[in-house]
Amino acid sequence: MEICYENAYGGGNFRENPENPMYDVRNLIGKGYIKKWRNMTNQRLPNIEFEKFPLRKRTKKNKVAGFGAIPAYWEPRRKYVGTMKGEPNPNQPRPPDFNPLFYQCAPQDQQFDKIEGGDAVALYNLTPTEKLIFSIPTVRFECETLLAGDYHQNQAILQSVIIEPEFPRLIMVWKASVPCENQEESIEYTKVEYEMKLH
């Protein structure tokens, strides 16, 4: 069975209110969401739950136990996007109360303060071979940009690690930036050199 949000707690209370159902904004495509426990009869239940947080009668206490990225319009991400009032301002593309945590698409239980090369990864019961064990490779990207006659050097930062155990496949995403200050057309070149070490 796929460990996905369709099989996790969430969805809408269609049986309670088929004409105008309410949804669990943490997982709009899940199942098992209801307003009152007595309406659980004939309700599709989630197949995935946290071992320490089984399905509870107090439905607001139920937790979403999915695997993978959270869409931008689900909680908790959408509360970080902020609010924009008044006429659009081209000089202010984002709301003043925008929180960069909006970019964090991993569920809270799959977030890490830091991931480095050499870190061990062990996945159990997520692949046909029952377990997948490996180490994060060490990769360094040295970036050099010539902008308006000035050289800018920096090192890319590992931002995301995506593990797809069904393939199996590891995707790593680095980020590097150079402040252009409206001089994008003055970029003469960007050069990237890298070295990689497997553990």
N, C-alpha and C. Protein backbone atom coordinates (compact mmCIF):
# COMPACT_ATOMS: atom_id res chain seq x y z
N MET A 1 0.85 -1.19 0.00
CA MET A 1 0.00 0.00 0.00
C MET A 1 0.88 1.24 0.00
N GLU A 2 0.54 2.18 -0.84
CA GLU A 2 1.34 3.39 -0.96
C GLU A 2 1.16 4.27 0.28
N ILE A 3 2.27 4.78 0.80
CA ILE A 3 2.23 5.69 1.94
C ILE A 3 2.07 7.09 1.38
N CYS A 4 0.83 7.48 1.17
CA CYS A 4 0.53 8.76 0.54
C CYS A 4 -0.58 9.45 1.31
N TYR A 5 -0.83 10.70 0.98
CA TYR A 5 -1.83 11.47 1.73
C TYR A 5 -3.25 11.00 1.46
N GLU A 6 -3.50 10.33 0.35
CA GLU A 6 -4.84 9.78 0.11
C GLU A 6 -5.19 8.72 1.14
N ASN A 7 -4.18 8.04 1.69
CA ASN A 7 -4.41 6.98 2.68
C ASN A 7 -4.22 7.46 4.11
N ALA A 8 -3.97 8.74 4.29
CA ALA A 8 -3.75 9.30 5.62
C ALA A 8 -5.02 10.02 6.11
N TYR A 9 -4.99 10.43 7.37
CA TYR A 9 -6.15 11.13 7.95
C TYR A 9 -6.35 12.48 7.26
N GLY A 10 -7.61 12.83 7.04
CA GLY A 10 -7.94 14.11 6.42
C GLY A 10 -9.16 13.99 5.55
N GLY A 11 -9.21 14.79 4.49
CA GLY A 11 -10.34 14.75 3.56
C GLY A 11 -11.49 15.63 4.01
N GLY A 12 -12.68 15.29 3.56
CA GLY A 12 -13.88 16.06 3.88
C GLY A 12 -14.94 15.21 4.55
N ASN A 13 -15.84 15.87 5.29
CA ASN A 13 -16.91 15.14 5.99
C ASN A 13 -18.14 15.02 5.09
N PHE A 14 -18.00 14.27 4.00
CA PHE A 14 -19.06 14.15 3.00
C PHE A 14 -20.31 13.50 3.58
N ARG A 15 -20.17 12.53 4.45
CA ARG A 15 -21.34 11.84 5.01
C ARG A 15 -22.13 12.74 5.95
N GLU A 16 -21.45 13.61 6.64
CA GLU A 16 -22.14 14.51 7.56
C GLU A 16 -22.81 15.65 6.81
N ASN A 17 -22.17 16.14 5.78
CA ASN A 17 -22.71 17.30 5.06
C ASN A 17 -22.37 17.16 3.58
N PRO A 18 -23.08 16.30 2.84
CA PRO A 18 -22.75 16.05 1.44
C PRO A 18 -22.89 17.28 0.54
N GLU A 19 -23.76 18.20 0.88
CA GLU A 19 -23.98 19.37 0.04
C GLU A 19 -22.89 20.42 0.20
N ASN A 20 -22.41 20.56 1.41
CA ASN A 20 -21.38 21.58 1.69
C ASN A 20 -20.38 21.03 2.70
N PRO A 21 -19.55 20.07 2.28
CA PRO A 21 -18.64 19.43 3.24
C PRO A 21 -17.53 20.37 3.70
N MET A 22 -17.07 20.14 4.92
CA MET A 22 -15.90 20.83 5.45
C MET A 22 -14.69 19.92 5.27
N TYR A 23 -13.52 20.53 5.16
CA TYR A 23 -12.31 19.76 4.91
C TYR A 23 -11.27 20.00 6.00
N ASP A 24 -10.45 19.00 6.21
CA ASP A 24 -9.28 19.16 7.06
C ASP A 24 -8.21 19.85 6.22
N VAL A 25 -7.89 21.09 6.55
CA VAL A 25 -6.99 21.90 5.71
C VAL A 25 -5.54 21.41 5.76
N ARG A 26 -5.24 20.44 6.63
CA ARG A 26 -3.89 19.87 6.67
C ARG A 26 -3.71 18.78 5.62
N ASN A 27 -4.83 18.20 5.16
CA ASN A 27 -4.78 17.15 4.15
C ASN A 27 -6.14 17.09 3.47
N LEU A 28 -6.27 17.75 2.35
CA LEU A 28 -7.57 17.86 1.68
C LEU A 28 -7.98 16.58 0.96
N ILE A 29 -7.06 15.65 0.74
CA ILE A 29 -7.37 14.47 -0.06
C ILE A 29 -7.37 13.18 0.76
N GLY A 30 -7.30 13.29 2.08
CA GLY A 30 -7.25 12.11 2.94
C GLY A 30 -8.62 11.53 3.22
N LYS A 31 -8.72 10.76 4.27
CA LYS A 31 -9.99 10.14 4.64
C LYS A 31 -10.08 9.99 6.16
N GLY A 32 -11.35 9.96 6.65
CA GLY A 32 -11.58 9.80 8.08
C GLY A 32 -11.98 11.07 8.80
N TYR A 33 -11.94 12.22 8.10
CA TYR A 33 -12.26 13.48 8.76
C TYR A 33 -13.76 13.60 9.01
N ILE A 34 -14.13 13.84 10.23
CA ILE A 34 -15.54 14.06 10.62
C ILE A 34 -15.57 15.14 11.69
N LYS A 35 -16.75 15.70 11.90
CA LYS A 35 -16.92 16.69 12.96
C LYS A 35 -17.35 16.04 14.27
N LYS A 36 -18.18 14.99 14.16
CA LYS A 36 -18.69 14.33 15.37
C LYS A 36 -18.40 12.84 15.29
N TRP A 37 -17.88 12.28 16.36
CA TRP A 37 -17.45 10.89 16.37
C TRP A 37 -18.60 9.93 16.10
N ARG A 38 -19.81 10.26 16.53
CA ARG A 38 -20.94 9.34 16.33
C ARG A 38 -21.26 9.15 14.85
N ASN A 39 -20.75 10.03 13.99
CA ASN A 39 -20.99 9.90 12.55
C ASN A 39 -19.92 9.06 11.85
N MET A 40 -19.12 8.35 12.63
CA MET A 40 -18.04 7.55 12.05
C MET A 40 -18.56 6.30 11.34
N THR A 41 -19.79 5.89 11.59
CA THR A 41 -20.34 4.69 10.96
C THR A 41 -20.27 4.79 9.44
N ASN A 42 -19.74 3.75 8.82
CA ASN A 42 -19.59 3.67 7.36
C ASN A 42 -18.61 4.71 6.79
N GLN A 43 -17.83 5.32 7.66
CA GLN A 43 -16.85 6.30 7.23
C GLN A 43 -15.55 5.59 6.85
N ARG A 44 -14.94 5.98 5.72
CA ARG A 44 -13.65 5.43 5.33
C ARG A 44 -12.58 5.92 6.30
N LEU A 45 -11.82 5.00 6.87
CA LEU A 45 -10.81 5.34 7.86
C LEU A 45 -9.42 5.40 7.23
N PRO A 46 -8.53 6.18 7.80
CA PRO A 46 -7.16 6.23 7.27
C PRO A 46 -6.43 4.92 7.51
N ASN A 47 -5.55 4.58 6.59
CA ASN A 47 -4.73 3.37 6.72
C ASN A 47 -3.39 3.65 7.38
N ILE A 48 -3.02 4.92 7.47
CA ILE A 48 -1.71 5.30 7.99
C ILE A 48 -1.91 6.19 9.22
N GLU A 49 -1.17 5.89 10.26
CA GLU A 49 -1.21 6.74 11.45
C GLU A 49 0.13 6.62 12.17
N PHE A 50 0.42 7.61 13.02
CA PHE A 50 1.62 7.56 13.84
C PHE A 50 1.41 6.54 14.96
N GLU A 51 2.44 5.78 15.25
CA GLU A 51 2.33 4.77 16.30
C GLU A 51 1.95 5.39 17.64
N LYS A 52 2.50 6.56 17.93
CA LYS A 52 2.24 7.21 19.22
C LYS A 52 0.97 8.05 19.20
N PHE A 53 0.36 8.24 18.01
CA PHE A 53 -0.86 9.06 17.91
C PHE A 53 -1.91 8.32 17.09
N PRO A 54 -2.49 7.27 17.65
CA PRO A 54 -3.54 6.55 16.91
C PRO A 54 -4.79 7.41 16.75
N LEU A 55 -5.70 6.97 15.89
CA LEU A 55 -6.93 7.70 15.64
C LEU A 55 -7.68 7.95 16.95
N ARG A 56 -8.08 9.21 17.17
CA ARG A 56 -8.70 9.59 18.43
C ARG A 56 -10.16 10.00 18.22
N LYS A 57 -10.93 9.90 19.28
CA LYS A 57 -12.33 10.34 19.22
C LYS A 57 -12.40 11.85 19.08
N ARG A 58 -11.43 12.56 19.63
CA ARG A 58 -11.39 14.02 19.48
C ARG A 58 -10.71 14.30 18.15
N THR A 59 -11.50 14.48 17.11
CA THR A 59 -10.96 14.52 15.75
C THR A 59 -9.97 15.65 15.53
N LYS A 60 -10.08 16.74 16.27
CA LYS A 60 -9.13 17.84 16.11
C LYS A 60 -7.73 17.45 16.57
N LYS A 61 -7.64 16.39 17.38
CA LYS A 61 -6.35 15.93 17.88
C LYS A 61 -5.67 14.96 16.91
N ASN A 62 -6.39 14.48 15.91
CA ASN A 62 -5.80 13.53 14.98
C ASN A 62 -4.69 14.18 14.17
N LYS A 63 -3.66 13.41 13.89
CA LYS A 63 -2.50 13.93 13.16
C LYS A 63 -2.44 13.29 11.78
N VAL A 64 -1.90 14.04 10.83
CA VAL A 64 -1.75 13.57 9.46
C VAL A 64 -0.39 12.88 9.33
N ALA A 65 -0.40 11.61 9.00
CA ALA A 65 0.83 10.82 8.92
C ALA A 65 1.12 10.45 7.47
N GLY A 66 1.49 11.43 6.66
CA GLY A 66 1.79 11.17 5.26
C GLY A 66 3.29 11.19 4.99
N PHE A 67 3.65 10.89 3.75
CA PHE A 67 5.06 10.88 3.36
C PHE A 67 5.19 11.68 2.08
N GLY A 68 5.98 12.73 2.13
CA GLY A 68 6.18 13.54 0.93
C GLY A 68 5.88 15.01 1.18
N ALA A 69 5.96 15.78 0.11
CA ALA A 69 5.82 17.24 0.19
C ALA A 69 4.38 17.66 0.46
N ILE A 70 4.22 18.77 1.18
CA ILE A 70 2.91 19.35 1.47
C ILE A 70 2.62 20.43 0.44
N PRO A 71 1.45 20.40 -0.22
CA PRO A 71 1.12 21.46 -1.19
C PRO A 71 1.08 22.83 -0.54
N ALA A 72 1.29 23.86 -1.33
CA ALA A 72 1.36 25.22 -0.81
C ALA A 72 0.04 25.70 -0.22
N TYR A 73 -1.09 25.13 -0.63
CA TYR A 73 -2.39 25.60 -0.15
C TYR A 73 -2.92 24.76 1.01
N TRP A 74 -2.10 23.87 1.58
CA TRP A 74 -2.45 23.13 2.79
C TRP A 74 -1.80 23.80 3.99
N GLU A 75 -2.40 23.57 5.16
CA GLU A 75 -1.74 23.96 6.40
C GLU A 75 -0.64 22.93 6.69
N PRO A 76 0.47 23.35 7.30
CA PRO A 76 0.68 24.69 7.85
C PRO A 76 1.26 25.70 6.87
N ARG A 77 1.55 25.32 5.62
CA ARG A 77 2.25 26.23 4.72
C ARG A 77 1.43 27.48 4.40
N ARG A 78 0.14 27.33 4.16
CA ARG A 78 -0.62 28.47 3.66
C ARG A 78 -0.75 29.59 4.68
N LYS A 79 -0.58 29.28 5.97
CA LYS A 79 -0.67 30.36 6.97
C LYS A 79 0.56 31.25 6.94
N TYR A 80 1.64 30.77 6.29
CA TYR A 80 2.87 31.56 6.22
C TYR A 80 2.92 32.47 5.00
N VAL A 81 1.98 32.34 4.07
CA VAL A 81 2.08 33.11 2.83
C VAL A 81 1.77 34.59 3.06
N GLY A 82 1.04 34.90 4.14
CA GLY A 82 0.76 36.29 4.47
C GLY A 82 -0.49 36.81 3.77
N THR A 83 -0.76 38.07 4.01
CA THR A 83 -1.96 38.71 3.45
C THR A 83 -1.56 39.98 2.71
N MET A 84 -2.18 40.19 1.59
CA MET A 84 -1.92 41.38 0.78
C MET A 84 -3.19 42.23 0.73
N LYS A 85 -3.10 43.46 1.19
CA LYS A 85 -4.26 44.34 1.20
C LYS A 85 -4.05 45.48 0.22
N GLY A 86 -5.15 45.98 -0.31
CA GLY A 86 -5.08 47.11 -1.21
C GLY A 86 -4.69 46.73 -2.62
N GLU A 87 -4.27 47.71 -3.39
CA GLU A 87 -3.90 47.51 -4.78
C GLU A 87 -2.54 46.80 -4.88
N PRO A 88 -2.36 45.98 -5.91
CA PRO A 88 -1.05 45.32 -6.10
C PRO A 88 0.06 46.34 -6.27
N ASN A 89 1.19 46.04 -5.66
CA ASN A 89 2.36 46.92 -5.73
C ASN A 89 3.51 46.15 -6.37
N PRO A 90 3.95 46.53 -7.58
CA PRO A 90 5.03 45.79 -8.24
C PRO A 90 6.34 45.83 -7.47
N ASN A 91 6.50 46.82 -6.59
CA ASN A 91 7.72 46.91 -5.79
C ASN A 91 7.64 46.07 -4.52
N GLN A 92 6.49 45.47 -4.29
CA GLN A 92 6.30 44.62 -3.11
C GLN A 92 5.60 43.33 -3.57
N PRO A 93 6.36 42.42 -4.19
CA PRO A 93 5.74 41.22 -4.75
C PRO A 93 5.19 40.26 -3.70
N ARG A 94 5.68 40.38 -2.45
CA ARG A 94 5.21 39.48 -1.39
C ARG A 94 4.55 40.29 -0.28
N PRO A 95 3.59 39.72 0.41
CA PRO A 95 2.95 40.42 1.53
C PRO A 95 3.96 40.79 2.60
N PRO A 96 3.73 41.88 3.31
CA PRO A 96 4.69 42.29 4.35
C PRO A 96 4.81 41.27 5.48
N ASP A 97 3.76 40.47 5.72
CA ASP A 97 3.82 39.46 6.78
C ASP A 97 4.17 38.08 6.24
N PHE A 98 4.75 38.02 5.04
CA PHE A 98 5.18 36.75 4.47
C PHE A 98 6.27 36.13 5.33
N ASN A 99 6.16 34.80 5.57
CA ASN A 99 7.14 34.09 6.37
C ASN A 99 7.87 33.10 5.48
N PRO A 100 9.21 33.12 5.44
CA PRO A 100 9.96 32.19 4.59
C PRO A 100 9.68 30.72 4.88
N LEU A 101 9.08 30.41 6.04
CA LEU A 101 8.72 29.02 6.32
C LEU A 101 7.72 28.49 5.30
N PHE A 102 7.11 29.39 4.52
CA PHE A 102 6.21 28.97 3.45
C PHE A 102 6.92 28.03 2.48
N TYR A 103 8.22 28.23 2.31
CA TYR A 103 8.98 27.41 1.37
C TYR A 103 9.29 26.02 1.91
N GLN A 104 9.04 25.79 3.20
CA GLN A 104 9.31 24.49 3.80
C GLN A 104 8.16 23.54 3.46
N CYS A 105 8.39 22.66 2.48
CA CYS A 105 7.30 21.79 2.03
C CYS A 105 7.32 20.42 2.70
N ALA A 106 8.32 20.13 3.51
CA ALA A 106 8.38 18.84 4.19
C ALA A 106 7.49 18.86 5.44
N PRO A 107 6.79 17.77 5.73
CA PRO A 107 6.03 17.70 6.99
C PRO A 107 6.96 17.86 8.18
N GLN A 108 6.41 18.27 9.29
CA GLN A 108 7.24 18.58 10.46
C GLN A 108 8.06 17.37 10.90
N ASP A 109 7.50 16.18 10.81
CA ASP A 109 8.23 14.99 11.26
C ASP A 109 9.33 14.59 10.28
N GLN A 110 9.40 15.25 9.11
CA GLN A 110 10.43 14.94 8.12
C GLN A 110 11.36 16.12 7.88
N GLN A 111 11.41 17.04 8.83
CA GLN A 111 12.28 18.21 8.74
C GLN A 111 13.52 17.99 9.62
N PHE A 112 14.64 18.53 9.15
CA PHE A 112 15.90 18.42 9.88
C PHE A 112 16.55 19.79 9.92
N ASP A 113 17.22 20.08 11.02
CA ASP A 113 17.92 21.35 11.14
C ASP A 113 19.06 21.44 10.13
N LYS A 114 19.73 20.30 9.90
CA LYS A 114 20.86 20.30 9.00
C LYS A 114 21.10 18.89 8.48
N ILE A 115 21.42 18.78 7.20
CA ILE A 115 21.78 17.50 6.60
C ILE A 115 23.14 17.67 5.95
N GLU A 116 24.05 16.77 6.27
CA GLU A 116 25.42 16.88 5.76
C GLU A 116 25.85 15.57 5.11
N GLY A 117 26.87 15.67 4.28
CA GLY A 117 27.44 14.48 3.69
C GLY A 117 27.95 13.53 4.75
N GLY A 118 27.69 12.25 4.57
CA GLY A 118 28.09 11.25 5.55
C GLY A 118 26.98 10.86 6.50
N ASP A 119 25.90 11.65 6.57
CA ASP A 119 24.77 11.30 7.43
C ASP A 119 24.16 9.98 6.96
N ALA A 120 23.86 9.10 7.90
CA ALA A 120 23.30 7.80 7.57
C ALA A 120 21.78 7.89 7.41
N VAL A 121 21.25 7.16 6.45
CA VAL A 121 19.82 7.09 6.20
C VAL A 121 19.40 5.63 6.23
N ALA A 122 18.36 5.31 6.96
CA ALA A 122 17.83 3.95 7.02
C ALA A 122 16.31 4.00 6.88
N LEU A 123 15.79 3.38 5.86
CA LEU A 123 14.35 3.31 5.62
C LEU A 123 13.90 1.86 5.73
N TYR A 124 12.89 1.62 6.53
CA TYR A 124 12.38 0.27 6.72
C TYR A 124 10.93 0.18 6.26
N ASN A 125 10.60 -0.92 5.60
CA ASN A 125 9.23 -1.21 5.13
C ASN A 125 8.72 -0.16 4.15
N LEU A 126 9.61 0.44 3.41
CA LEU A 126 9.22 1.43 2.40
C LEU A 126 9.62 1.00 0.99
N THR A 127 10.26 -0.17 0.89
CA THR A 127 10.71 -0.67 -0.40
C THR A 127 10.39 -2.15 -0.50
N PRO A 128 10.38 -2.71 -1.71
CA PRO A 128 10.15 -4.16 -1.86
C PRO A 128 11.20 -5.01 -1.15
N THR A 129 12.41 -4.44 -0.93
CA THR A 129 13.46 -5.18 -0.25
C THR A 129 13.41 -5.00 1.26
N GLU A 130 12.36 -4.37 1.77
CA GLU A 130 12.10 -4.17 3.20
C GLU A 130 12.96 -3.07 3.83
N LYS A 131 14.21 -2.93 3.40
CA LYS A 131 15.03 -1.87 4.00
C LYS A 131 15.96 -1.27 2.94
N LEU A 132 16.26 0.00 3.16
CA LEU A 132 17.15 0.74 2.28
C LEU A 132 18.08 1.56 3.17
N ILE A 133 19.37 1.26 3.13
CA ILE A 133 20.34 1.91 4.00
C ILE A 133 21.46 2.50 3.15
N PHE A 134 21.76 3.76 3.36
CA PHE A 134 22.83 4.41 2.62
C PHE A 134 23.28 5.65 3.38
N SER A 135 24.32 6.29 2.88
CA SER A 135 24.82 7.54 3.46
C SER A 135 24.69 8.66 2.44
N ILE A 136 24.41 9.85 2.93
CA ILE A 136 24.32 11.03 2.06
C ILE A 136 25.71 11.33 1.52
N PRO A 137 25.86 11.43 0.20
CA PRO A 137 27.19 11.77 -0.34
C PRO A 137 27.58 13.21 -0.01
N THR A 138 28.86 13.45 0.05
CA THR A 138 29.36 14.81 0.26
C THR A 138 29.64 15.45 -1.09
N VAL A 139 28.96 16.55 -1.38
CA VAL A 139 29.14 17.26 -2.63
C VAL A 139 29.35 18.74 -2.31
N ARG A 140 30.39 19.32 -2.88
CA ARG A 140 30.68 20.74 -2.68
C ARG A 140 30.61 21.44 -4.03
N PHE A 141 29.84 22.52 -4.07
CA PHE A 141 29.73 23.34 -5.27
C PHE A 141 30.35 24.70 -4.99
N GLU A 142 31.38 25.04 -5.72
CA GLU A 142 32.00 26.35 -5.63
C GLU A 142 31.53 27.18 -6.83
N CYS A 143 30.91 28.32 -6.55
CA CYS A 143 30.30 29.14 -7.60
C CYS A 143 31.06 30.46 -7.75
N GLU A 144 31.24 30.87 -8.99
CA GLU A 144 31.87 32.15 -9.28
C GLU A 144 31.04 32.87 -10.34
N THR A 145 30.68 34.11 -10.06
CA THR A 145 29.87 34.91 -10.97
C THR A 145 30.57 36.24 -11.24
N LEU A 146 30.62 36.60 -12.51
CA LEU A 146 31.16 37.90 -12.90
C LEU A 146 29.97 38.80 -13.21
N LEU A 147 29.76 39.79 -12.35
CA LEU A 147 28.60 40.68 -12.46
C LEU A 147 29.09 42.12 -12.53
N ALA A 148 28.83 42.75 -13.65
CA ALA A 148 29.20 44.17 -13.85
C ALA A 148 30.66 44.42 -13.51
N GLY A 149 31.51 43.46 -13.92
CA GLY A 149 32.95 43.63 -13.71
C GLY A 149 33.45 43.17 -12.36
N ASP A 150 32.56 42.78 -11.46
CA ASP A 150 32.96 42.33 -10.12
C ASP A 150 32.77 40.82 -10.00
N TYR A 151 33.74 40.18 -9.34
CA TYR A 151 33.65 38.74 -9.11
C TYR A 151 32.94 38.46 -7.77
N HIS A 152 32.03 37.51 -7.81
CA HIS A 152 31.33 37.07 -6.60
C HIS A 152 31.55 35.57 -6.46
N GLN A 153 32.09 35.15 -5.32
CA GLN A 153 32.33 33.74 -5.07
C GLN A 153 31.56 33.29 -3.84
N ASN A 154 30.93 32.16 -3.96
CA ASN A 154 30.23 31.59 -2.81
C ASN A 154 30.09 30.09 -2.99
N GLN A 155 29.67 29.46 -1.92
CA GLN A 155 29.50 28.01 -1.93
C GLN A 155 28.01 27.69 -1.82
N ALA A 156 27.54 26.78 -2.67
CA ALA A 156 26.12 26.41 -2.64
C ALA A 156 25.79 25.67 -1.35
N ILE A 157 24.58 25.86 -0.89
CA ILE A 157 24.11 25.25 0.36
C ILE A 157 23.11 24.16 0.03
N LEU A 158 23.26 23.01 0.65
CA LEU A 158 22.31 21.92 0.46
C LEU A 158 20.98 22.32 1.09
N GLN A 159 19.94 22.38 0.29
CA GLN A 159 18.66 22.88 0.74
C GLN A 159 17.62 21.78 0.93
N SER A 160 17.57 20.82 0.04
CA SER A 160 16.54 19.76 0.11
C SER A 160 17.15 18.41 -0.24
N VAL A 161 16.66 17.39 0.43
CA VAL A 161 17.01 16.01 0.12
C VAL A 161 15.70 15.26 -0.09
N ILE A 162 15.52 14.73 -1.29
CA ILE A 162 14.30 14.02 -1.63
C ILE A 162 14.65 12.55 -1.83
N ILE A 163 14.03 11.69 -1.06
CA ILE A 163 14.27 10.25 -1.15
C ILE A 163 13.04 9.59 -1.75
N GLU A 164 13.23 8.87 -2.84
CA GLU A 164 12.15 8.14 -3.49
C GLU A 164 12.46 6.64 -3.41
N PRO A 165 12.07 6.00 -2.31
CA PRO A 165 12.49 4.62 -2.07
C PRO A 165 11.93 3.60 -3.06
N GLU A 166 10.85 3.95 -3.76
CA GLU A 166 10.26 2.98 -4.68
C GLU A 166 11.12 2.75 -5.91
N PHE A 167 12.09 3.66 -6.22
CA PHE A 167 12.88 3.50 -7.43
C PHE A 167 14.13 2.62 -7.26
N PRO A 168 15.00 2.73 -6.30
CA PRO A 168 15.20 3.82 -5.34
C PRO A 168 16.01 4.96 -5.98
N ARG A 169 15.77 6.20 -5.46
CA ARG A 169 16.44 7.36 -6.02
C ARG A 169 16.61 8.43 -4.95
N LEU A 170 17.75 9.10 -5.03
CA LEU A 170 18.05 10.20 -4.12
C LEU A 170 18.24 11.47 -4.94
N ILE A 171 17.50 12.53 -4.58
CA ILE A 171 17.61 13.81 -5.25
C ILE A 171 18.07 14.85 -4.22
N MET A 172 19.13 15.57 -4.55
CA MET A 172 19.64 16.59 -3.65
C MET A 172 19.61 17.93 -4.36
N VAL A 173 19.18 18.97 -3.65
CA VAL A 173 19.02 20.30 -4.24
C VAL A 173 19.88 21.29 -3.46
N TRP A 174 20.75 21.99 -4.18
CA TRP A 174 21.58 23.03 -3.56
C TRP A 174 21.10 24.41 -4.00
N LYS A 175 21.44 25.41 -3.21
CA LYS A 175 21.06 26.78 -3.54
C LYS A 175 22.26 27.70 -3.38
N ALA A 176 22.42 28.56 -4.37
CA ALA A 176 23.43 29.62 -4.28
C ALA A 176 22.84 30.87 -4.91
N SER A 177 23.16 32.03 -4.38
CA SER A 177 22.58 33.26 -4.90
C SER A 177 23.62 34.38 -4.89
N VAL A 178 23.41 35.32 -5.78
CA VAL A 178 24.25 36.52 -5.87
C VAL A 178 23.32 37.73 -5.92
N PRO A 179 23.48 38.71 -5.03
CA PRO A 179 22.64 39.90 -5.08
C PRO A 179 22.90 40.71 -6.35
N CYS A 180 21.89 40.83 -7.20
CA CYS A 180 22.07 41.52 -8.49
C CYS A 180 21.63 42.98 -8.45
N GLU A 181 20.64 43.29 -7.60
CA GLU A 181 20.16 44.67 -7.47
C GLU A 181 19.83 45.28 -8.83
N ASN A 182 18.94 44.61 -9.53
CA ASN A 182 18.47 45.07 -10.86
C ASN A 182 19.58 45.12 -11.91
N GLN A 183 20.60 44.30 -11.73
CA GLN A 183 21.69 44.24 -12.72
C GLN A 183 21.75 42.88 -13.39
N GLU A 184 20.60 42.21 -13.50
CA GLU A 184 20.59 40.87 -14.07
C GLU A 184 21.22 40.82 -15.46
N GLU A 185 20.99 41.84 -16.25
CA GLU A 185 21.52 41.86 -17.61
C GLU A 185 23.03 42.09 -17.64
N SER A 186 23.61 42.43 -16.49
CA SER A 186 25.05 42.68 -16.43
C SER A 186 25.84 41.43 -16.02
N ILE A 187 25.13 40.30 -15.85
CA ILE A 187 25.84 39.05 -15.53
C ILE A 187 26.60 38.59 -16.76
N GLU A 188 27.91 38.49 -16.64
CA GLU A 188 28.74 38.08 -17.77
C GLU A 188 28.88 36.56 -17.83
N TYR A 189 29.04 35.93 -16.68
CA TYR A 189 29.04 34.47 -16.65
C TYR A 189 28.91 33.99 -15.21
N THR A 190 28.53 32.72 -15.07
CA THR A 190 28.55 32.02 -13.80
C THR A 190 29.23 30.68 -14.02
N LYS A 191 30.20 30.38 -13.18
CA LYS A 191 30.95 29.13 -13.30
C LYS A 191 30.76 28.33 -12.02
N VAL A 192 30.51 27.04 -12.19
CA VAL A 192 30.29 26.15 -11.05
C VAL A 192 31.26 24.99 -11.14
N GLU A 193 32.02 24.78 -10.08
CA GLU A 193 32.91 23.62 -9.97
C GLU A 193 32.48 22.79 -8.77
N TYR A 194 32.60 21.48 -8.89
CA TYR A 194 32.15 20.65 -7.80
C TYR A 194 33.09 19.47 -7.57
N GLU A 195 33.02 18.95 -6.37
CA GLU A 195 33.71 17.70 -6.03
C GLU A 195 32.76 16.85 -5.20
N MET A 196 32.83 15.54 -5.39
CA MET A 196 31.90 14.64 -4.73
C MET A 196 32.66 13.50 -4.06
N LYS A 197 32.16 13.10 -2.89
CA LYS A 197 32.75 12.00 -2.16
C LYS A 197 31.62 11.08 -1.70
N LEU A 198 31.74 9.80 -2.04
CA LEU A 198 30.77 8.81 -1.57
C LEU A 198 31.27 8.16 -0.28
N HIS A 199 30.34 7.89 0.60
CA HIS A 199 30.72 7.33 1.91
C HIS A 199 30.34 5.86 2.00
